[in-house]
C-alpha atoms as a PDB file:
ATOM      1  CA  MET A   1       0.000   0.000   0.000  1.00  0.00           C
ATOM      2  CA  ARG A   2       2.801   2.369   0.977  1.00  0.00           C
ATOM      3  CA  LYS A   3       4.643   1.542  -2.218  1.00  0.00           C
ATOM      4  CA  LEU A   4       1.542   2.351  -4.217  1.00  0.00           C
ATOM      5  CA  LEU A   5       1.142   5.658  -2.428  1.00  0.00           C
ATOM      6  CA  ARG A   6       4.800   6.527  -2.957  1.00  0.00           C
ATOM      7  CA  LYS A   7       4.459   5.812  -6.690  1.00  0.00           C
ATOM      8  CA  LYS A   8       1.386   8.058  -7.001  1.00  0.00           C
ATOM      9  CA  THR A   9       3.066  10.748  -4.969  1.00  0.00           C
ATOM     10  CA  TYR A  10       6.178  10.514  -7.159  1.00  0.00           C
ATOM     11  CA  LYS A  11       4.088  10.712 -10.303  1.00  0.00           C
ATOM     12  CA  LEU A  12       2.150  13.724  -8.998  1.00  0.00           C
ATOM     13  CA  THR A  13       5.388  15.442  -7.979  1.00  0.00           C
ATOM     14  CA  ASN A  14       6.950  14.803 -11.375  1.00  0.00           C
ATOM     15  CA  THR A  15       3.779  15.920 -13.072  1.00  0.00           C
ATOM     16  CA  PHE A  16       3.724  19.138 -10.987  1.00  0.00           C
ATOM     17  CA  LYS A  17       7.411  19.778 -11.766  1.00  0.00           C
ATOM     18  CA  THR A  18       6.803  19.199 -15.452  1.00  0.00           C
ATOM     19  CA  GLU A  19       3.768  21.485 -15.445  1.00  0.00           C
ATOM     20  CA  ARG A  20       5.728  24.068 -13.461  1.00  0.00           C
ATOM     21  CA  ARG A  21       8.602  23.888 -15.955  1.00  0.00           C
ATOM     22  CA  ILE A  22       6.078  24.305 -18.761  1.00  0.00           C
ATOM     23  CA  THR A  23       4.415  27.174 -16.978  1.00  0.00           C
ATOM     24  CA  ILE A  24       7.746  28.911 -16.352  1.00  0.00           C
ATOM     25  CA  PHE A  25       8.749  28.339 -19.966  1.00  0.00           C
ATOM     26  CA  GLN A  26       5.440  29.742 -21.117  1.00  0.00           C
ATOM     27  CA  LYS A  27       5.887  32.737 -18.857  1.00  0.00           C
ATOM     28  CA  LEU A  28       9.416  33.301 -20.119  1.00  0.00           C
ATOM     29  CA  LEU A  29       8.177  32.984 -23.658  1.00  0.00           C
ATOM     30  CA  LEU A  30       5.379  35.409 -22.864  1.00  0.00           C
ATOM     31  CA  TYR A  31       7.842  37.841 -21.284  1.00  0.00           C
ATOM     32  CA  ILE A  32      10.081  37.616 -24.357  1.00  0.00           C
ATOM     33  CA  ILE A  33       7.121  38.231 -26.619  1.00  0.00           C
ATOM     34  CA  ILE A  34       6.035  41.164 -24.481  1.00  0.00           C
ATOM     35  CA  LEU A  35       9.566  42.596 -24.431  1.00  0.00           C
ATOM     36  CA  LEU A  36       9.929  42.194 -28.169  1.00  0.00           C
ATOM     37  CA  GLY A  37       6.509  43.716 -28.709  1.00  0.00           C
ATOM     38  CA  THR A  38       7.289  46.624 -26.393  1.00  0.00           C
ATOM     39  CA  SER A  39      10.590  47.187 -28.122  1.00  0.00           C
ATOM     40  CA  HIS A  40       8.865  47.157 -31.511  1.00  0.00           C
ATOM     41  CA  ILE A  41       6.167  49.507 -30.279  1.00  0.00           C
ATOM     42  CA  SER A  42       8.793  51.832 -28.772  1.00  0.00           C
ATOM     43  CA  ALA A  43      10.757  51.790 -32.000  1.00  0.00           C
ATOM     44  CA  SER A  44       7.604  52.450 -34.001  1.00  0.00           C
ATOM     45  CA  TYR A  45       6.606  55.250 -31.617  1.00  0.00           C
ATOM     46  CA  ALA A  46      10.079  56.736 -31.797  1.00  0.00           C
ATOM     47  CA  THR A  47       9.975  56.579 -35.579  1.00  0.00           C
ATOM     48  CA  ALA A  48       6.516  58.060 -35.636  1.00  0.00           C
ATOM     49  CA  TYR A  49       7.565  60.792 -33.206  1.00  0.00           C
ATOM     50  CA  SER A  50      10.670  61.449 -35.254  1.00  0.00           C
ATOM     51  CA  ASP A  51       8.567  61.646 -38.426  1.00  0.00           C
ATOM     52  CA  THR A  52       6.099  63.924 -36.679  1.00  0.00           C
ATOM     53  CA  GLU A  53       8.871  66.121 -35.375  1.00  0.00           C
ATOM     54  CA  LEU A  54      10.498  66.215 -38.809  1.00  0.00           C
ATOM     55  CA  THR A  55       7.169  67.054 -40.372  1.00  0.00           C
ATOM     56  CA  SER A  56       6.691  69.793 -37.806  1.00  0.00           C
ATOM     57  CA  VAL A  57      10.153  71.183 -38.527  1.00  0.00           C
ATOM     58  CA  ASN A  58       9.517  70.966 -42.245  1.00  0.00           C
ATOM     59  CA  ASN A  59       6.198  72.720 -41.772  1.00  0.00           C
ATOM     60  CA  ASN A  60       7.909  75.429 -39.754  1.00  0.00           C
ATOM     61  CA  ASN A  61      10.577  75.778 -42.408  1.00  0.00           C
ATOM     62  CA  SER A  62       7.909  75.861 -45.085  1.00  0.00           C
ATOM     63  CA  SER A  63       6.154  78.605 -43.137  1.00  0.00           C
ATOM     64  CA  GLU A  64       9.387  80.565 -42.902  1.00  0.00           C
ATOM     65  CA  ILE A  65      10.095  80.079 -46.582  1.00  0.00           C
ATOM     66  CA  SER A  66       6.544  81.090 -47.421  1.00  0.00           C
ATOM     67  CA  ASP A  67       6.851  84.229 -45.289  1.00  0.00           C
ATOM     68  CA  SER A  68      10.148  84.974 -46.963  1.00  0.00           C
ATOM     69  CA  GLN A  69       8.636  84.478 -50.381  1.00  0.00           C
ATOM     70  CA  ASP A  70       5.670  86.627 -49.434  1.00  0.00           C
ATOM     71  CA  PHE A  71       8.046  89.320 -48.290  1.00  0.00           C
ATOM     72  CA  SER A  72      10.055  89.127 -51.488  1.00  0.00           C
ATOM     73  CA  ASP A  73       6.856  89.275 -53.521  1.00  0.00           C
ATOM     74  CA  ARG A  74       5.750  92.483 -51.863  1.00  0.00           C
ATOM     75  CA  ASP A  75       6.169  95.678 -53.782  1.00  0.00           C
ATOM     76  CA  GLU A  76       9.416  97.369 -52.831  1.00  0.00           C
ATOM     77  CA  GLN A  77       9.405 101.051 -52.022  1.00  0.00           C
ATOM     78  CA  VAL A  78       9.838 103.175 -55.128  1.00  0.00           C
ATOM     79  CA  LYS A  79      12.844 105.470 -54.975  1.00  0.00           C
ATOM     80  CA  LEU A  80      12.429 108.636 -57.004  1.00  0.00           C
ATOM     81  CA  ARG A  81      15.167 111.135 -57.766  1.00  0.00           C
ATOM     82  CA  SER A  82      15.220 113.935 -55.191  1.00  0.00           C
ATOM     83  CA  SER A  83      18.122 116.075 -56.454  1.00  0.00           C
ATOM     84  CA  TYR A  84      17.559 118.714 -59.135  1.00  0.00           C
ATOM     85  CA  LYS A  85      18.866 118.529 -62.697  1.00  0.00           C
ATOM     86  CA  LYS A  86      18.784 120.415 -65.980  1.00  0.00           C
ATOM     87  CA  LEU A  87      16.756 118.100 -68.179  1.00  0.00           C
ATOM     88  CA  PRO A  88      16.016 117.890 -71.905  1.00  0.00           C
ATOM     89  CA  VAL A  89      12.649 116.675 -73.136  1.00  0.00           C
ATOM     90  CA  ASN A  90      13.842 113.214 -74.138  1.00  0.00           C
ATOM     91  CA  SER A  91      15.123 112.541 -70.596  1.00  0.00           C
ATOM     92  CA  VAL A  92      11.775 113.498 -69.087  1.00  0.00           C
ATOM     93  CA  GLN A  93       9.976 111.274 -71.589  1.00  0.00           C
ATOM     94  CA  LYS A  94      12.084 108.325 -70.386  1.00  0.00           C
ATOM     95  CA  MET A  95      11.207 108.660 -66.700  1.00  0.00           C
ATOM     96  CA  SER A  96      10.537 105.433 -64.812  1.00  0.00           C
ATOM     97  CA  TYR A  97       7.107 104.593 -63.382  1.00  0.00           C
ATOM     98  CA  THR A  98       5.395 106.713 -66.032  1.00  0.00           C
ATOM     99  CA  LYS A  99       3.011 105.812 -68.821  1.00  0.00           C
ATOM    100  CA  ILE A 100       3.038 108.265 -71.733  1.00  0.00           C
ATOM    101  CA  LEU A 101      -0.289 108.595 -73.500  1.00  0.00           C
ATOM    102  CA  LYS A 102       0.873 111.184 -75.986  1.00  0.00           C
ATOM    103  CA  ALA A 103       4.331 112.682 -76.486  1.00  0.00           C
ATOM    104  CA  LYS A 104       4.794 116.372 -77.222  1.00  0.00           C
ATOM    105  CA  GLU A 105       7.737 118.473 -78.341  1.00  0.00           C
ATOM    106  CA  CYS A 106       7.878 120.061 -74.892  1.00  0.00           C
ATOM    107  CA  GLY A 107       6.893 117.044 -72.775  1.00  0.00           C
ATOM    108  CA  PHE A 108       4.047 114.522 -72.659  1.00  0.00           C
ATOM    109  CA  TYR A 109       0.544 113.668 -71.510  1.00  0.00           C
ATOM    110  CA  GLY A 110       0.480 110.680 -69.215  1.00  0.00           C
ATOM    111  CA  HIS A 111       0.231 109.360 -65.695  1.00  0.00           C
ATOM    112  CA  SER A 112       2.124 107.512 -62.987  1.00  0.00           C
ATOM    113  CA  THR A 113       2.136 103.715 -62.728  1.00  0.00           C
ATOM    114  CA  ILE A 114       2.960 103.716 -59.009  1.00  0.00           C
ATOM    115  CA  LYS A 115       0.479 102.075 -56.660  1.00  0.00           C
ATOM    116  CA  HIS A 116       0.375 104.701 -53.949  1.00  0.00           C
ATOM    117  CA  ASP A 117      -0.244 104.154 -50.258  1.00  0.00           C
ATOM    118  CA  TYR A 118      -1.396 107.583 -49.046  1.00  0.00           C
ATOM    119  CA  VAL A 119      -2.047 108.407 -45.402  1.00  0.00           C
ATOM    120  CA  LEU A 120      -3.422 111.807 -44.379  1.00  0.00           C
ATOM    121  CA  LYS A 121      -2.032 113.028 -41.048  1.00  0.00           C
ATOM    122  CA  GLU A 122      -2.028 116.133 -38.897  1.00  0.00           C
ATOM    123  CA  ILE A 123       1.205 117.151 -37.200  1.00  0.00           C
ATOM    124  CA  HIS A 124       0.906 120.182 -34.912  1.00  0.00           C
ATOM    125  CA  ASN A 125      -2.513 120.809 -36.521  1.00  0.00           C
ATOM    126  CA  GLU A 126      -0.879 121.011 -39.962  1.00  0.00           C
ATOM    127  CA  LYS A 127      -1.895 118.535 -42.664  1.00  0.00           C
ATOM    128  CA  VAL A 128       0.542 116.321 -44.530  1.00  0.00           C
ATOM    129  CA  VAL A 129       0.133 113.330 -46.848  1.00  0.00           C
ATOM    130  CA  ILE A 130       2.533 110.446 -46.348  1.00  0.00           C
ATOM    131  CA  ASP A 131       3.060 108.133 -49.306  1.00  0.00           C
ATOM    132  CA  HIS A 132       4.498 104.856 -48.041  1.00  0.00           C
ATOM    133  CA  ALA A 133       4.948 103.658 -51.624  1.00  0.00           C
ATOM    134  CA  THR A 134       7.589 106.314 -52.353  1.00  0.00           C
ATOM    135  CA  GLY A 135       8.804 107.298 -48.875  1.00  0.00           C
ATOM    136  CA  LEU A 136       7.712 110.903 -49.408  1.00  0.00           C
ATOM    137  CA  MET A 137       5.801 113.355 -47.244  1.00  0.00           C
ATOM    138  CA  TRP A 138       3.760 115.940 -49.130  1.00  0.00           C
ATOM    139  CA  HIS A 139       2.257 119.221 -48.009  1.00  0.00           C
ATOM    140  CA  GLN A 140      -1.450 118.411 -48.197  1.00  0.00           C
ATOM    141  CA  SER A 141      -2.191 121.704 -49.947  1.00  0.00           C
ATOM    142  CA  GLY A 142       0.592 124.184 -50.695  1.00  0.00           C
ATOM    143  CA  SER A 143       0.508 127.765 -51.891  1.00  0.00           C
ATOM    144  CA  THR A 144      -2.918 129.333 -52.363  1.00  0.00           C
ATOM    145  CA  GLN A 145      -1.723 131.526 -55.234  1.00  0.00           C
ATOM    146  CA  GLY A 146       0.359 131.068 -58.351  1.00  0.00           C
ATOM    147  CA  MET A 147       3.836 132.592 -58.564  1.00  0.00           C
ATOM    148  CA  ASN A 148       6.968 132.557 -60.709  1.00  0.00           C
ATOM    149  CA  TRP A 149       9.746 130.034 -60.185  1.00  0.00           C
ATOM    150  CA  GLU A 150      12.012 132.286 -58.115  1.00  0.00           C
ATOM    151  CA  LYS A 151       9.174 133.222 -55.760  1.00  0.00           C
ATOM    152  CA  ALA A 152       8.346 129.534 -55.441  1.00  0.00           C
ATOM    153  CA  HIS A 153      11.828 128.936 -53.993  1.00  0.00           C
ATOM    154  CA  ARG A 154      11.403 131.840 -51.573  1.00  0.00           C
ATOM    155  CA  TRP A 155       8.006 130.471 -50.540  1.00  0.00           C
ATOM    156  CA  ILE A 156       9.712 127.189 -49.636  1.00  0.00           C
ATOM    157  CA  GLU A 157      12.364 129.057 -47.620  1.00  0.00           C
ATOM    158  CA  ARG A 158       9.679 130.758 -45.538  1.00  0.00           C
ATOM    159  CA  LEU A 159       7.932 127.419 -45.019  1.00  0.00           C
ATOM    160  CA  ASN A 160      11.169 125.930 -43.659  1.00  0.00           C
ATOM    161  CA  THR A 161      11.770 128.926 -41.420  1.00  0.00           C
ATOM    162  CA  LYS A 162       8.340 128.367 -39.942  1.00  0.00           C
ATOM    163  CA  GLY A 163       8.941 124.628 -39.668  1.00  0.00           C
ATOM    164  CA  TYR A 164       5.709 123.373 -41.203  1.00  0.00           C
ATOM    165  CA  ALA A 165       4.508 120.188 -39.428  1.00  0.00           C
ATOM    166  CA  GLY A 166       7.706 120.297 -37.368  1.00  0.00           C
ATOM    167  CA  HIS A 167      10.053 119.931 -40.354  1.00  0.00           C
ATOM    168  CA  HIS A 168      12.569 122.321 -41.922  1.00  0.00           C
ATOM    169  CA  ASP A 169      13.622 120.355 -45.019  1.00  0.00           C
ATOM    170  CA  TRP A 170      10.721 121.019 -47.387  1.00  0.00           C
ATOM    171  CA  ARG A 171      11.602 121.529 -51.050  1.00  0.00           C
ATOM    172  CA  LEU A 172      10.132 121.770 -54.525  1.00  0.00           C
ATOM    173  CA  PRO A 173       9.581 118.279 -55.940  1.00  0.00           C
ATOM    174  CA  THR A 174      11.633 116.964 -58.827  1.00  0.00           C
ATOM    175  CA  VAL A 175       9.711 116.375 -62.037  1.00  0.00           C
ATOM    176  CA  GLU A 176       9.746 112.643 -61.257  1.00  0.00           C
ATOM    177  CA  GLU A 177       8.210 113.223 -57.831  1.00  0.00           C
ATOM    178  CA  ALA A 178       5.618 115.683 -59.127  1.00  0.00           C
ATOM    179  CA  ALA A 179       4.668 113.388 -62.028  1.00  0.00           C
ATOM    180  CA  SER A 180       4.291 110.474 -59.611  1.00  0.00           C
ATOM    181  CA  LEU A 181       1.105 112.137 -58.321  1.00  0.00           C
ATOM    182  CA  LEU A 182      -0.579 111.984 -61.732  1.00  0.00           C
ATOM    183  CA  GLU A 183      -3.521 109.601 -61.712  1.00  0.00           C
ATOM    184  CA  PRO A 184      -4.663 107.765 -64.869  1.00  0.00           C
ATOM    185  CA  GLU A 185      -8.088 109.399 -64.670  1.00  0.00           C
ATOM    186  CA  LYS A 186      -9.841 112.274 -62.954  1.00  0.00           C
ATOM    187  CA  ALA A 187     -10.008 111.615 -59.252  1.00  0.00           C
ATOM    188  CA  HIS A 188     -12.495 114.363 -58.403  1.00  0.00           C
ATOM    189  CA  PHE A 189     -15.173 113.741 -61.006  1.00  0.00           C
ATOM    190  CA  PHE A 190     -16.213 111.173 -63.568  1.00  0.00           C
ATOM    191  CA  LEU A 191     -14.059 110.906 -66.661  1.00  0.00           C
ATOM    192  CA  PRO A 192     -14.623 108.140 -69.231  1.00  0.00           C
ATOM    193  CA  TYR A 193     -11.941 105.513 -68.804  1.00  0.00           C
ATOM    194  CA  ASP A 194     -10.816 105.683 -72.419  1.00  0.00           C
ATOM    195  CA  ALA A 195     -10.799 109.480 -72.612  1.00  0.00           C
ATOM    196  CA  ASP A 196      -7.583 110.874 -74.025  1.00  0.00           C
ATOM    197  CA  THR A 197      -6.066 113.490 -71.747  1.00  0.00           C
ATOM    198  CA  ALA A 198      -4.738 115.248 -74.811  1.00  0.00           C
ATOM    199  CA  GLU A 199      -8.308 115.652 -76.062  1.00  0.00           C
ATOM    200  CA  TYR A 200      -9.294 117.062 -72.690  1.00  0.00           C
ATOM    201  CA  TYR A 201      -6.473 119.579 -72.846  1.00  0.00           C
ATOM    202  CA  LYS A 202      -7.424 120.545 -76.384  1.00  0.00           C
ATOM    203  CA  LEU A 203     -11.006 121.189 -75.301  1.00  0.00           C
ATOM    204  CA  SER A 204      -9.954 123.149 -72.227  1.00  0.00           C
ATOM    205  CA  GLN A 205      -7.874 125.454 -74.422  1.00  0.00           C
ATOM    206  CA  SER A 206     -10.516 125.799 -77.104  1.00  0.00           C
ATOM    207  CA  ASP A 207     -11.403 129.304 -78.325  1.00  0.00           C
ATOM    208  CA  HIS A 208     -15.023 128.235 -78.729  1.00  0.00           C
ATOM    209  CA  PRO A 209     -16.853 128.463 -75.359  1.00  0.00           C
ATOM    210  CA  GLN A 210     -19.802 126.462 -76.657  1.00  0.00           C
ATOM    211  CA  GLU A 211     -17.533 123.566 -77.597  1.00  0.00           C
ATOM    212  CA  ARG A 212     -15.921 123.632 -74.149  1.00  0.00           C
ATOM    213  CA  ASN A 213     -19.183 123.851 -72.221  1.00  0.00           C
ATOM    214  CA  GLN A 214     -20.843 121.017 -74.107  1.00  0.00           C
ATOM    215  CA  SER A 215     -17.972 118.615 -73.571  1.00  0.00           C
ATOM    216  CA  PRO A 216     -18.715 115.941 -70.917  1.00  0.00           C
ATOM    217  CA  LEU A 217     -15.016 116.151 -69.981  1.00  0.00           C
ATOM    218  CA  LEU A 218     -15.343 119.762 -68.819  1.00  0.00           C
ATOM    219  CA  LYS A 219     -18.573 119.753 -66.837  1.00  0.00           C
ATOM    220  CA  ASN A 220     -16.638 120.072 -63.599  1.00  0.00           C
ATOM    221  CA  LYS A 221     -13.671 122.396 -63.989  1.00  0.00           C
ATOM    222  CA  LYS A 222     -12.400 121.494 -60.524  1.00  0.00           C
ATOM    223  CA  GLY A 223     -11.375 118.027 -61.656  1.00  0.00           C
ATOM    224  CA  ARG A 224      -7.764 117.017 -61.130  1.00  0.00           C
ATOM    225  CA  PHE A 225      -5.570 114.143 -62.204  1.00  0.00           C
ATOM    226  CA  PHE A 226      -4.459 113.460 -58.637  1.00  0.00           C
ATOM    227  CA  ASP A 227      -5.843 111.705 -55.574  1.00  0.00           C
ATOM    228  CA  PRO A 228      -8.609 113.455 -53.573  1.00  0.00           C
ATOM    229  CA  VAL A 229      -6.422 113.214 -50.465  1.00  0.00           C
ATOM    230  CA  PHE A 230      -4.717 116.380 -51.757  1.00  0.00           C
ATOM    231  CA  ASP A 231      -6.159 119.879 -51.821  1.00  0.00           C
ATOM    232  CA  LYS A 232      -7.715 120.797 -55.186  1.00  0.00           C
ATOM    233  CA  THR A 233      -6.295 124.319 -55.346  1.00  0.00           C
ATOM    234  CA  GLN A 234      -2.883 123.425 -56.721  1.00  0.00           C
ATOM    235  CA  GLY A 235      -3.948 122.360 -60.214  1.00  0.00           C
ATOM    236  CA  TRP A 236      -0.489 122.917 -61.716  1.00  0.00           C
ATOM    237  CA  ILE A 237       2.814 123.193 -59.888  1.00  0.00           C
ATOM    238  CA  TRP A 238       6.460 124.073 -60.349  1.00  0.00           C
ATOM    239  CA  THR A 239       9.196 121.485 -59.914  1.00  0.00           C
ATOM    240  CA  GLY A 240      12.790 122.123 -58.877  1.00  0.00           C
ATOM    241  CA  ASP A 241      14.183 120.784 -62.177  1.00  0.00           C
ATOM    242  CA  SER A 242      15.248 123.224 -64.879  1.00  0.00           C
ATOM    243  CA  TYR A 243      14.831 122.862 -68.603  1.00  0.00           C
ATOM    244  CA  HIS A 244      18.290 122.400 -70.120  1.00  0.00           C
ATOM    245  CA  ARG A 245      17.788 125.352 -72.444  1.00  0.00           C
ATOM    246  CA  LEU A 246      16.494 128.859 -71.841  1.00  0.00           C
ATOM    247  CA  ASP A 247      15.489 130.183 -68.406  1.00  0.00           C
ATOM    248  CA  ALA A 248      12.762 127.643 -67.846  1.00  0.00           C
ATOM    249  CA  ALA A 249      11.705 124.959 -65.387  1.00  0.00           C
ATOM    250  CA  TRP A 250       9.644 121.782 -65.545  1.00  0.00           C
ATOM    251  CA  ARG A 251       6.074 121.850 -64.301  1.00  0.00           C
ATOM    252  CA  VAL A 252       3.150 119.411 -63.973  1.00  0.00           C
ATOM    253  CA  ASP A 253      -0.418 120.244 -64.981  1.00  0.00           C
ATOM    254  CA  TYR A 254      -2.960 118.196 -63.014  1.00  0.00           C
ATOM    255  CA  PHE A 255      -5.881 119.645 -64.956  1.00  0.00           C
ATOM    256  CA  SER A 256      -4.860 117.772 -68.082  1.00  0.00           C
ATOM    257  CA  GLY A 257      -2.183 115.256 -67.078  1.00  0.00           C
ATOM    258  CA  LEU A 258       0.536 117.250 -68.837  1.00  0.00           C
ATOM    259  CA  VAL A 259       4.240 117.359 -67.980  1.00  0.00           C
ATOM    260  CA  ASP A 260       6.177 120.108 -69.771  1.00  0.00           C
ATOM    261  CA  TRP A 261       8.418 123.124 -69.166  1.00  0.00           C
ATOM    262  CA  ASP A 262       7.698 126.813 -68.927  1.00  0.00           C
ATOM    263  CA  VAL A 263       9.757 129.988 -68.510  1.00  0.00           C
ATOM    264  CA  TYR A 264      10.768 131.093 -65.006  1.00  0.00           C
ATOM    265  CA  TYR A 265       8.785 134.320 -64.893  1.00  0.00           C
ATOM    266  CA  TYR A 266       5.322 132.808 -65.515  1.00  0.00           C
ATOM    267  CA  ILE A 267       3.201 133.448 -62.433  1.00  0.00           C
ATOM    268  CA  PHE A 268       0.491 130.833 -62.960  1.00  0.00           C
ATOM    269  CA  TYR A 269       1.974 127.848 -61.144  1.00  0.00           C
ATOM    270  CA  PHE A 270       1.529 126.848 -57.520  1.00  0.00           C
ATOM    271  CA  VAL A 271       3.847 125.232 -54.995  1.00  0.00           C
ATOM    272  CA  ARG A 272       3.250 121.793 -53.484  1.00  0.00           C
ATOM    273  CA  PRO A 273       6.201 121.107 -51.155  1.00  0.00           C
ATOM    274  CA  VAL A 274       7.612 117.673 -50.491  1.00  0.00           C
ATOM    275  CA  ARG A 275      10.232 116.138 -48.243  1.00  0.00           C
ATOM    276  CA  THR A 276      11.891 112.726 -48.024  1.00  0.00           C
ATOM    277  CA  LEU A 277      10.934 110.648 -45.013  1.00  0.00           C
ATOM    278  CA  GLU A 278      13.813 109.877 -42.699  1.00  0.00           C
END
């Protein structure tokens, strides 16, 4: 009986040991599988994180590149000549940022191609117009009466002595600066888009009052070829540039969109001062 019991006990013990060994082996195998799986998951996560981070960096770089491209695509500030010269007609007809509609022996009819960015401001209760497109500050109005070229210079001197809008470096504009204000069509009243400024000028100078009065281009004689941000009074102005022959200077006519020269002593032209922004 004891022998039989010992045999059963031995068998049970061996069976338990075998099952235990199997269980331990299974556990080890399970641990290995878990470790391998965890390692794979970690590697996959790290790769995914790395890809995400790289994507994020690339997106950031793309954003920076895009901003840079946007900046480079923006219109750069237009730099116009600010020093005076003695100019022949052909030089004036070759000015940059200008579209000539009709050339003349003494100048041309046309307008500026600059996309202006005007801001009207008051400094010490005195009005100025800042053009961010050209880096210029304009007197919003100017002289209230016409004068000859020499008096125009003296008018500027008095303006600087006074220190208009807190500045003492006002000057007559160059012909390039003055012409930059020319708009392609009347800014203060309706003008047909395809109207020729030369035709307008011809009508305005007509010796036949009936012809002038009946023209749809001349219904409002206060029209100007410049932006309404400026005062209307200064319909034609002197520039600081001289004509290379005779005693004459260049002027701009905002009634008709005409750029030409006239002799110094003519008293019909106004002053619209300008200065370069610092």
